[in-house]
Amino acid sequence: MADLEAEVAALKADNARLRRLLDEEGMPDSLRHAFRDTVALLRAVMRCTAGSAIDVESYDAHLGGRLDIFVRVRSLTDTLGEADLHTLVADELATYLVYEGEQATISGPKVWLRPKPAQVFALALHELATNAIEHGLLGRSVGAVSVTWQIEQNEGVPTLELLWKETGAGTRVEPSRRGFGTMVVEDMLAYDLGASAELTYEPHEVRCRIRFPLDAETGRFAEDGAGST
């Protein structure tokens, strides 16, 4: 308990320093806005992780994995602050030693996500991968996952449709309660990206279909088809 109290105190101190930094004069508005988005998202992640943890060890393990996402996404962004979707997917799976060309298939046109959408989408990928490893089919040696996407026109608006599909021997049942991962996929993606998400559980297959518009707020794609992976 003492360790947890010390960690909470450290987080509060970090938040105070960030608030002071955000209030400094001379900081570009775009950078201030990006900082505020990240801090708000971090606070939401910490709060929801605490609410769903069954003990201190569980809280520490899950929070650590979720916070690591923000560091990795930042390291993957380009000079515009955008992140390549293929790289986001491959990087998240690789943290679980699931590699493209082995247990993973990753395919789709070139797509770049804006900074905050990239963070939220990476968090959703993390929850899907974590559940697939800890509770699902991907944790077994014969398990596999495919992540594919395409661009469709929806009333003239380019829309990304991504399908996460994990398969393998054994049985995956629908969770008995709605956890943090489901909240991220169904609620957080809807709020931050205007996305719709559909989770489907079958005995030897789990699918998650996500759709959201690609626009100035969320991201862009290679309109000529260049860079398809």
C-alpha atoms as a PDB file:
ATOM      1  CA  MET A   1       0.000   0.000   0.000  1.00  0.00           C
ATOM      2  CA  ALA A   2       2.867   2.358   0.772  1.00  0.00           C
ATOM      3  CA  ASP A   3       4.265   1.788  -2.726  1.00  0.00           C
ATOM      4  CA  LEU A   4       0.888   2.601  -4.275  1.00  0.00           C
ATOM      5  CA  GLU A   5       0.541   5.777  -2.207  1.00  0.00           C
ATOM      6  CA  ALA A   6       4.026   6.845  -3.288  1.00  0.00           C
ATOM      7  CA  GLU A   7       3.146   6.196  -6.934  1.00  0.00           C
ATOM      8  CA  VAL A   8      -0.067   8.210  -6.652  1.00  0.00           C
ATOM      9  CA  ALA A   9       1.842  11.084  -5.010  1.00  0.00           C
ATOM     10  CA  ALA A  10       4.400  11.023  -7.820  1.00  0.00           C
ATOM     11  CA  LEU A  11       1.644  11.087 -10.449  1.00  0.00           C
ATOM     12  CA  LYS A  12       0.001  14.067  -8.734  1.00  0.00           C
ATOM     13  CA  ALA A  13       3.328  15.899  -8.708  1.00  0.00           C
ATOM     14  CA  ASP A  14       3.817  15.153 -12.411  1.00  0.00           C
ATOM     15  CA  ASN A  15       0.319  16.448 -13.165  1.00  0.00           C
ATOM     16  CA  ALA A  16       1.081  19.676 -11.290  1.00  0.00           C
ATOM     17  CA  ARG A  17       4.288  20.172 -13.265  1.00  0.00           C
ATOM     18  CA  LEU A  18       2.436  19.553 -16.532  1.00  0.00           C
ATOM     19  CA  ARG A  19      -0.241  22.090 -15.620  1.00  0.00           C
ATOM     20  CA  ARG A  20       2.429  24.692 -14.876  1.00  0.00           C
ATOM     21  CA  LEU A  21       4.097  23.924 -18.195  1.00  0.00           C
ATOM     22  CA  LEU A  22       0.807  24.263 -20.057  1.00  0.00           C
ATOM     23  CA  ASP A  23       0.174  27.658 -18.473  1.00  0.00           C
ATOM     24  CA  GLU A  24       3.546  29.072 -19.456  1.00  0.00           C
ATOM     25  CA  GLU A  25       3.457  31.964 -21.894  1.00  0.00           C
ATOM     26  CA  GLY A  26       5.054  31.486 -25.259  1.00  0.00           C
ATOM     27  CA  MET A  27       4.052  27.860 -25.760  1.00  0.00           C
ATOM     28  CA  PRO A  28       2.535  27.355 -29.257  1.00  0.00           C
ATOM     29  CA  ASP A  29      -1.219  26.788 -29.144  1.00  0.00           C
ATOM     30  CA  SER A  30      -0.910  23.550 -31.109  1.00  0.00           C
ATOM     31  CA  LEU A  31       1.595  22.139 -28.618  1.00  0.00           C
ATOM     32  CA  ARG A  32      -0.489  23.293 -25.651  1.00  0.00           C
ATOM     33  CA  HIS A  33      -3.564  21.623 -27.156  1.00  0.00           C
ATOM     34  CA  ALA A  34      -1.664  18.375 -27.784  1.00  0.00           C
ATOM     35  CA  PHE A  35      -0.363  18.363 -24.206  1.00  0.00           C
ATOM     36  CA  ARG A  36      -3.842  18.900 -22.795  1.00  0.00           C
ATOM     37  CA  ASP A  37      -5.248  16.064 -24.902  1.00  0.00           C
ATOM     38  CA  THR A  38      -2.534  13.686 -23.738  1.00  0.00           C
ATOM     39  CA  VAL A  39      -2.876  14.632 -20.070  1.00  0.00           C
ATOM     40  CA  ALA A  40      -6.659  14.216 -20.208  1.00  0.00           C
ATOM     41  CA  LEU A  41      -6.292  10.817 -21.832  1.00  0.00           C
ATOM     42  CA  LEU A  42      -3.673   9.721 -19.302  1.00  0.00           C
ATOM     43  CA  ARG A  43      -5.919  10.713 -16.417  1.00  0.00           C
ATOM     44  CA  ALA A  44      -8.828   8.783 -17.926  1.00  0.00           C
ATOM     45  CA  VAL A  45      -6.650   5.697 -18.358  1.00  0.00           C
ATOM     46  CA  MET A  46      -5.392   5.865 -14.764  1.00  0.00           C
ATOM     47  CA  ARG A  47      -8.880   6.384 -13.364  1.00  0.00           C
ATOM     48  CA  CYS A  48     -10.458   3.545 -15.354  1.00  0.00           C
ATOM     49  CA  THR A  49      -7.564   1.186 -14.629  1.00  0.00           C
ATOM     50  CA  ALA A  50      -7.978   1.808 -10.908  1.00  0.00           C
ATOM     51  CA  GLY A  51     -11.710   1.187 -11.175  1.00  0.00           C
ATOM     52  CA  SER A  52     -11.309  -2.181 -12.898  1.00  0.00           C
ATOM     53  CA  ALA A  53      -8.267  -3.525 -10.978  1.00  0.00           C
ATOM     54  CA  ILE A  54      -8.877  -6.364  -8.530  1.00  0.00           C
ATOM     55  CA  ASP A  55      -5.725  -5.655  -6.493  1.00  0.00           C
ATOM     56  CA  VAL A  56      -2.609  -3.484  -6.429  1.00  0.00           C
ATOM     57  CA  GLU A  57      -0.569  -5.950  -8.507  1.00  0.00           C
ATOM     58  CA  SER A  58      -3.242  -6.016 -11.216  1.00  0.00           C
ATOM     59  CA  TYR A  59      -3.424  -2.227 -11.220  1.00  0.00           C
ATOM     60  CA  ASP A  60       0.345  -1.870 -11.545  1.00  0.00           C
ATOM     61  CA  ALA A  61       0.656  -4.430 -14.348  1.00  0.00           C
ATOM     62  CA  HIS A  62      -2.192  -3.108 -16.477  1.00  0.00           C
ATOM     63  CA  LEU A  63      -1.418   0.564 -15.920  1.00  0.00           C
ATOM     64  CA  GLY A  64       2.223   0.043 -16.874  1.00  0.00           C
ATOM     65  CA  GLY A  65       1.268  -1.588 -20.169  1.00  0.00           C
ATOM     66  CA  ARG A  66      -1.218   1.145 -20.990  1.00  0.00           C
ATOM     67  CA  LEU A  67       1.133   4.006 -20.177  1.00  0.00           C
ATOM     68  CA  ASP A  68       3.866   2.433 -22.310  1.00  0.00           C
ATOM     69  CA  ILE A  69       1.591   2.961 -25.305  1.00  0.00           C
ATOM     70  CA  PHE A  70       1.938   6.730 -25.134  1.00  0.00           C
ATOM     71  CA  VAL A  71       5.724   6.486 -25.172  1.00  0.00           C
ATOM     72  CA  ARG A  72       5.732   4.076 -28.114  1.00  0.00           C
ATOM     73  CA  VAL A  73       3.255   6.101 -30.155  1.00  0.00           C
ATOM     74  CA  ARG A  74       5.319   9.234 -29.628  1.00  0.00           C
ATOM     75  CA  SER A  75       8.427   7.415 -30.863  1.00  0.00           C
ATOM     76  CA  LEU A  76       6.562   6.262 -33.987  1.00  0.00           C
ATOM     77  CA  THR A  77       5.212   9.635 -35.100  1.00  0.00           C
ATOM     78  CA  ASP A  78       6.710  11.549 -38.013  1.00  0.00           C
ATOM     79  CA  THR A  79       7.607  15.227 -38.223  1.00  0.00           C
ATOM     80  CA  LEU A  80       3.911  16.094 -38.636  1.00  0.00           C
ATOM     81  CA  GLY A  81       3.033  14.215 -35.475  1.00  0.00           C
ATOM     82  CA  GLU A  82       1.222  11.534 -37.475  1.00  0.00           C
ATOM     83  CA  ALA A  83       1.577   7.774 -37.040  1.00  0.00           C
ATOM     84  CA  ASP A  84       1.451   5.100 -39.722  1.00  0.00           C
ATOM     85  CA  LEU A  85      -1.373   2.628 -39.032  1.00  0.00           C
ATOM     86  CA  HIS A  86       0.554  -0.440 -40.215  1.00  0.00           C
ATOM     87  CA  THR A  87       3.440   0.434 -37.911  1.00  0.00           C
ATOM     88  CA  LEU A  88       1.084   0.964 -34.952  1.00  0.00           C
ATOM     89  CA  VAL A  89      -0.439  -2.486 -35.425  1.00  0.00           C
ATOM     90  CA  ALA A  90       2.881  -4.276 -35.955  1.00  0.00           C
ATOM     91  CA  ASP A  91       4.505  -2.521 -32.991  1.00  0.00           C
ATOM     92  CA  GLU A  92       1.692  -3.405 -30.575  1.00  0.00           C
ATOM     93  CA  LEU A  93       1.661  -7.068 -31.582  1.00  0.00           C
ATOM     94  CA  ALA A  94       5.453  -7.254 -31.375  1.00  0.00           C
ATOM     95  CA  THR A  95       5.316  -6.299 -27.685  1.00  0.00           C
ATOM     96  CA  TYR A  96       3.670  -9.709 -27.175  1.00  0.00           C
ATOM     97  CA  LEU A  97       6.185 -11.471 -29.443  1.00  0.00           C
ATOM     98  CA  VAL A  98       3.537 -11.832 -32.137  1.00  0.00           C
ATOM     99  CA  TYR A  99       5.247 -10.942 -35.394  1.00  0.00           C
ATOM    100  CA  GLU A 100       4.043 -10.137 -38.872  1.00  0.00           C
ATOM    101  CA  GLY A 101       4.696 -13.044 -41.221  1.00  0.00           C
ATOM    102  CA  GLU A 102       4.487 -15.540 -38.357  1.00  0.00           C
ATOM    103  CA  GLN A 103       1.345 -15.449 -36.202  1.00  0.00           C
ATOM    104  CA  ALA A 104       0.210 -12.098 -37.572  1.00  0.00           C
ATOM    105  CA  THR A 105      -1.058 -10.911 -40.947  1.00  0.00           C
ATOM    106  CA  ILE A 106      -1.287  -7.144 -41.438  1.00  0.00           C
ATOM    107  CA  SER A 107      -2.593  -5.611 -44.642  1.00  0.00           C
ATOM    108  CA  GLY A 108      -4.214  -2.430 -45.901  1.00  0.00           C
ATOM    109  CA  PRO A 109      -3.619   0.829 -47.758  1.00  0.00           C
ATOM    110  CA  LYS A 110      -1.269   3.441 -46.369  1.00  0.00           C
ATOM    111  CA  VAL A 111      -3.015   5.385 -43.574  1.00  0.00           C
ATOM    112  CA  TRP A 112      -1.657   8.037 -41.212  1.00  0.00           C
ATOM    113  CA  LEU A 113      -3.438   8.955 -37.980  1.00  0.00           C
ATOM    114  CA  ARG A 114      -3.325  12.312 -36.254  1.00  0.00           C
ATOM    115  CA  PRO A 115      -1.648  12.476 -32.807  1.00  0.00           C
ATOM    116  CA  LYS A 116      -4.603  11.995 -30.438  1.00  0.00           C
ATOM    117  CA  PRO A 117      -6.473   9.507 -32.679  1.00  0.00           C
ATOM    118  CA  ALA A 118      -3.212   7.550 -32.947  1.00  0.00           C
ATOM    119  CA  GLN A 119      -2.959   7.357 -29.149  1.00  0.00           C
ATOM    120  CA  VAL A 120      -6.575   6.282 -28.700  1.00  0.00           C
ATOM    121  CA  PHE A 121      -6.417   3.769 -31.541  1.00  0.00           C
ATOM    122  CA  ALA A 122      -3.160   2.325 -30.210  1.00  0.00           C
ATOM    123  CA  LEU A 123      -4.833   1.950 -26.812  1.00  0.00           C
ATOM    124  CA  ALA A 124      -7.682   0.010 -28.448  1.00  0.00           C
ATOM    125  CA  LEU A 125      -5.173  -2.225 -30.248  1.00  0.00           C
ATOM    126  CA  HIS A 126      -3.414  -2.800 -26.934  1.00  0.00           C
ATOM    127  CA  GLU A 127      -6.639  -3.918 -25.263  1.00  0.00           C
ATOM    128  CA  LEU A 128      -7.496  -6.261 -28.139  1.00  0.00           C
ATOM    129  CA  ALA A 129      -3.999  -7.769 -28.081  1.00  0.00           C
ATOM    130  CA  THR A 130      -3.924  -8.081 -24.285  1.00  0.00           C
ATOM    131  CA  ASN A 131      -7.266  -9.877 -24.182  1.00  0.00           C
ATOM    132  CA  ALA A 132      -6.253 -12.117 -27.084  1.00  0.00           C
ATOM    133  CA  ILE A 133      -3.093 -13.170 -25.240  1.00  0.00           C
ATOM    134  CA  GLU A 134      -4.445 -13.409 -21.688  1.00  0.00           C
ATOM    135  CA  HIS A 135      -7.914 -14.791 -22.351  1.00  0.00           C
ATOM    136  CA  GLY A 136      -8.169 -15.661 -26.010  1.00  0.00           C
ATOM    137  CA  LEU A 137      -6.875 -17.685 -28.892  1.00  0.00           C
ATOM    138  CA  LEU A 138      -3.654 -15.787 -29.591  1.00  0.00           C
ATOM    139  CA  GLY A 139      -2.072 -16.970 -26.356  1.00  0.00           C
ATOM    140  CA  ARG A 140      -1.941 -20.502 -27.721  1.00  0.00           C
ATOM    141  CA  SER A 141       0.866 -21.635 -30.015  1.00  0.00           C
ATOM    142  CA  VAL A 142      -1.558 -22.336 -32.866  1.00  0.00           C
ATOM    143  CA  GLY A 143      -3.356 -19.020 -32.499  1.00  0.00           C
ATOM    144  CA  ALA A 144      -3.145 -16.350 -35.180  1.00  0.00           C
ATOM    145  CA  VAL A 145      -4.398 -12.839 -35.797  1.00  0.00           C
ATOM    146  CA  SER A 146      -5.083 -10.892 -38.957  1.00  0.00           C
ATOM    147  CA  VAL A 147      -5.567  -7.137 -39.044  1.00  0.00           C
ATOM    148  CA  THR A 148      -6.803  -5.834 -42.375  1.00  0.00           C
ATOM    149  CA  TRP A 149      -8.370  -2.574 -43.457  1.00  0.00           C
ATOM    150  CA  GLN A 150      -9.763  -0.797 -46.470  1.00  0.00           C
ATOM    151  CA  ILE A 151     -11.034   2.657 -47.391  1.00  0.00           C
ATOM    152  CA  GLU A 152     -14.673   3.065 -48.370  1.00  0.00           C
ATOM    153  CA  GLN A 153     -16.639   6.131 -49.394  1.00  0.00           C
ATOM    154  CA  ASN A 154     -19.551   6.906 -47.086  1.00  0.00           C
ATOM    155  CA  GLU A 155     -21.626   9.749 -48.537  1.00  0.00           C
ATOM    156  CA  GLY A 156     -18.479  11.181 -50.054  1.00  0.00           C
ATOM    157  CA  VAL A 157     -16.428  10.855 -46.866  1.00  0.00           C
ATOM    158  CA  PRO A 158     -13.501   8.396 -46.896  1.00  0.00           C
ATOM    159  CA  THR A 159     -14.075   5.877 -44.126  1.00  0.00           C
ATOM    160  CA  LEU A 160     -11.584   3.422 -42.682  1.00  0.00           C
ATOM    161  CA  GLU A 161     -12.962  -0.052 -42.043  1.00  0.00           C
ATOM    162  CA  LEU A 162     -10.603  -2.245 -40.028  1.00  0.00           C
ATOM    163  CA  LEU A 163     -11.137  -5.892 -39.143  1.00  0.00           C
ATOM    164  CA  TRP A 164      -9.276  -7.549 -36.262  1.00  0.00           C
ATOM    165  CA  LYS A 165      -9.695 -11.320 -36.412  1.00  0.00           C
ATOM    166  CA  GLU A 166      -8.094 -13.821 -34.069  1.00  0.00           C
ATOM    167  CA  THR A 167      -8.417 -17.536 -34.763  1.00  0.00           C
ATOM    168  CA  GLY A 168      -7.131 -20.790 -33.343  1.00  0.00           C
ATOM    169  CA  ALA A 169      -7.905 -23.985 -31.511  1.00  0.00           C
ATOM    170  CA  GLY A 170      -9.787 -23.784 -28.244  1.00  0.00           C
ATOM    171  CA  THR A 171     -12.777 -21.764 -27.169  1.00  0.00           C
ATOM    172  CA  ARG A 172     -13.109 -18.030 -26.590  1.00  0.00           C
ATOM    173  CA  VAL A 173     -16.232 -16.968 -24.752  1.00  0.00           C
ATOM    174  CA  GLU A 174     -17.692 -13.497 -24.470  1.00  0.00           C
ATOM    175  CA  PRO A 175     -16.639 -11.782 -21.217  1.00  0.00           C
ATOM    176  CA  SER A 176     -19.228 -11.930 -18.451  1.00  0.00           C
ATOM    177  CA  ARG A 177     -18.695  -8.271 -17.604  1.00  0.00           C
ATOM    178  CA  ARG A 178     -17.875  -5.141 -19.552  1.00  0.00           C
ATOM    179  CA  GLY A 179     -14.257  -4.325 -18.781  1.00  0.00           C
ATOM    180  CA  PHE A 180     -11.869  -1.494 -19.572  1.00  0.00           C
ATOM    181  CA  GLY A 181     -10.921  -2.978 -22.947  1.00  0.00           C
ATOM    182  CA  THR A 182     -14.514  -3.083 -24.163  1.00  0.00           C
ATOM    183  CA  MET A 183     -15.022   0.474 -22.943  1.00  0.00           C
ATOM    184  CA  VAL A 184     -12.005   1.649 -24.951  1.00  0.00           C
ATOM    185  CA  VAL A 185     -13.092  -0.143 -28.128  1.00  0.00           C
ATOM    186  CA  GLU A 186     -16.774   0.756 -27.979  1.00  0.00           C
ATOM    187  CA  ASP A 187     -16.883   4.091 -26.140  1.00  0.00           C
ATOM    188  CA  MET A 188     -13.529   5.856 -26.341  1.00  0.00           C
ATOM    189  CA  LEU A 189     -13.137   5.245 -30.076  1.00  0.00           C
ATOM    190  CA  ALA A 190     -16.660   6.564 -30.624  1.00  0.00           C
ATOM    191  CA  TYR A 191     -15.996   9.705 -28.594  1.00  0.00           C
ATOM    192  CA  ASP A 192     -12.552  10.583 -29.968  1.00  0.00           C
ATOM    193  CA  LEU A 193     -12.755   9.270 -33.552  1.00  0.00           C
ATOM    194  CA  GLY A 194     -16.483   9.132 -34.269  1.00  0.00           C
ATOM    195  CA  ALA A 195     -16.019   5.390 -34.703  1.00  0.00           C
ATOM    196  CA  SER A 196     -18.413   2.482 -34.569  1.00  0.00           C
ATOM    197  CA  ALA A 197     -17.143  -0.856 -33.272  1.00  0.00           C
ATOM    198  CA  GLU A 198     -18.621  -4.332 -33.307  1.00  0.00           C
ATOM    199  CA  LEU A 199     -17.184  -7.215 -31.252  1.00  0.00           C
ATOM    200  CA  THR A 200     -18.204 -10.757 -32.223  1.00  0.00           C
ATOM    201  CA  TYR A 201     -17.305 -13.883 -30.233  1.00  0.00           C
ATOM    202  CA  GLU A 202     -17.489 -17.336 -31.791  1.00  0.00           C
ATOM    203  CA  PRO A 203     -16.060 -20.645 -30.483  1.00  0.00           C
ATOM    204  CA  HIS A 204     -12.864 -20.518 -32.557  1.00  0.00           C
ATOM    205  CA  GLU A 205     -12.824 -16.919 -33.722  1.00  0.00           C
ATOM    206  CA  VAL A 206     -13.081 -13.389 -32.360  1.00  0.00           C
ATOM    207  CA  ARG A 207     -13.706 -10.413 -34.631  1.00  0.00           C
ATOM    208  CA  CYS A 208     -13.653  -6.705 -34.011  1.00  0.00           C
ATOM    209  CA  ARG A 209     -14.816  -4.455 -36.832  1.00  0.00           C
ATOM    210  CA  ILE A 210     -14.051  -0.745 -36.465  1.00  0.00           C
ATOM    211  CA  ARG A 211     -15.182   2.055 -38.779  1.00  0.00           C
ATOM    212  CA  PHE A 212     -14.417   5.758 -38.601  1.00  0.00           C
ATOM    213  CA  PRO A 213     -14.126   8.688 -41.025  1.00  0.00           C
ATOM    214  CA  LEU A 214     -10.752   9.904 -42.204  1.00  0.00           C
ATOM    215  CA  ASP A 215     -10.750  13.683 -42.094  1.00  0.00           C
ATOM    216  CA  ALA A 216      -8.677  16.617 -40.885  1.00  0.00           C
ATOM    217  CA  GLU A 217      -9.275  15.593 -37.261  1.00  0.00           C
ATOM    218  CA  THR A 218      -8.510  11.869 -37.499  1.00  0.00           C
ATOM    219  CA  GLY A 219      -6.129  11.092 -40.339  1.00  0.00           C
ATOM    220  CA  ARG A 220      -5.506  10.625 -44.025  1.00  0.00           C
ATOM    221  CA  PHE A 221      -4.673   7.942 -46.575  1.00  0.00           C
ATOM    222  CA  ALA A 222      -2.684   7.563 -49.795  1.00  0.00           C
ATOM    223  CA  GLU A 223      -5.387   8.402 -52.326  1.00  0.00           C
ATOM    224  CA  ASP A 224      -3.470   6.945 -55.264  1.00  0.00           C
ATOM    225  CA  GLY A 225      -3.164   3.584 -53.498  1.00  0.00           C
ATOM    226  CA  ALA A 226       0.585   3.986 -53.099  1.00  0.00           C
ATOM    227  CA  GLY A 227       2.099   2.369 -50.089  1.00  0.00           C
ATOM    228  CA  SER A 228      -0.424  -0.454 -49.703  1.00  0.00           C
ATOM    229  CA  THR A 229       0.922  -3.100 -47.354  1.00  0.00           C
END
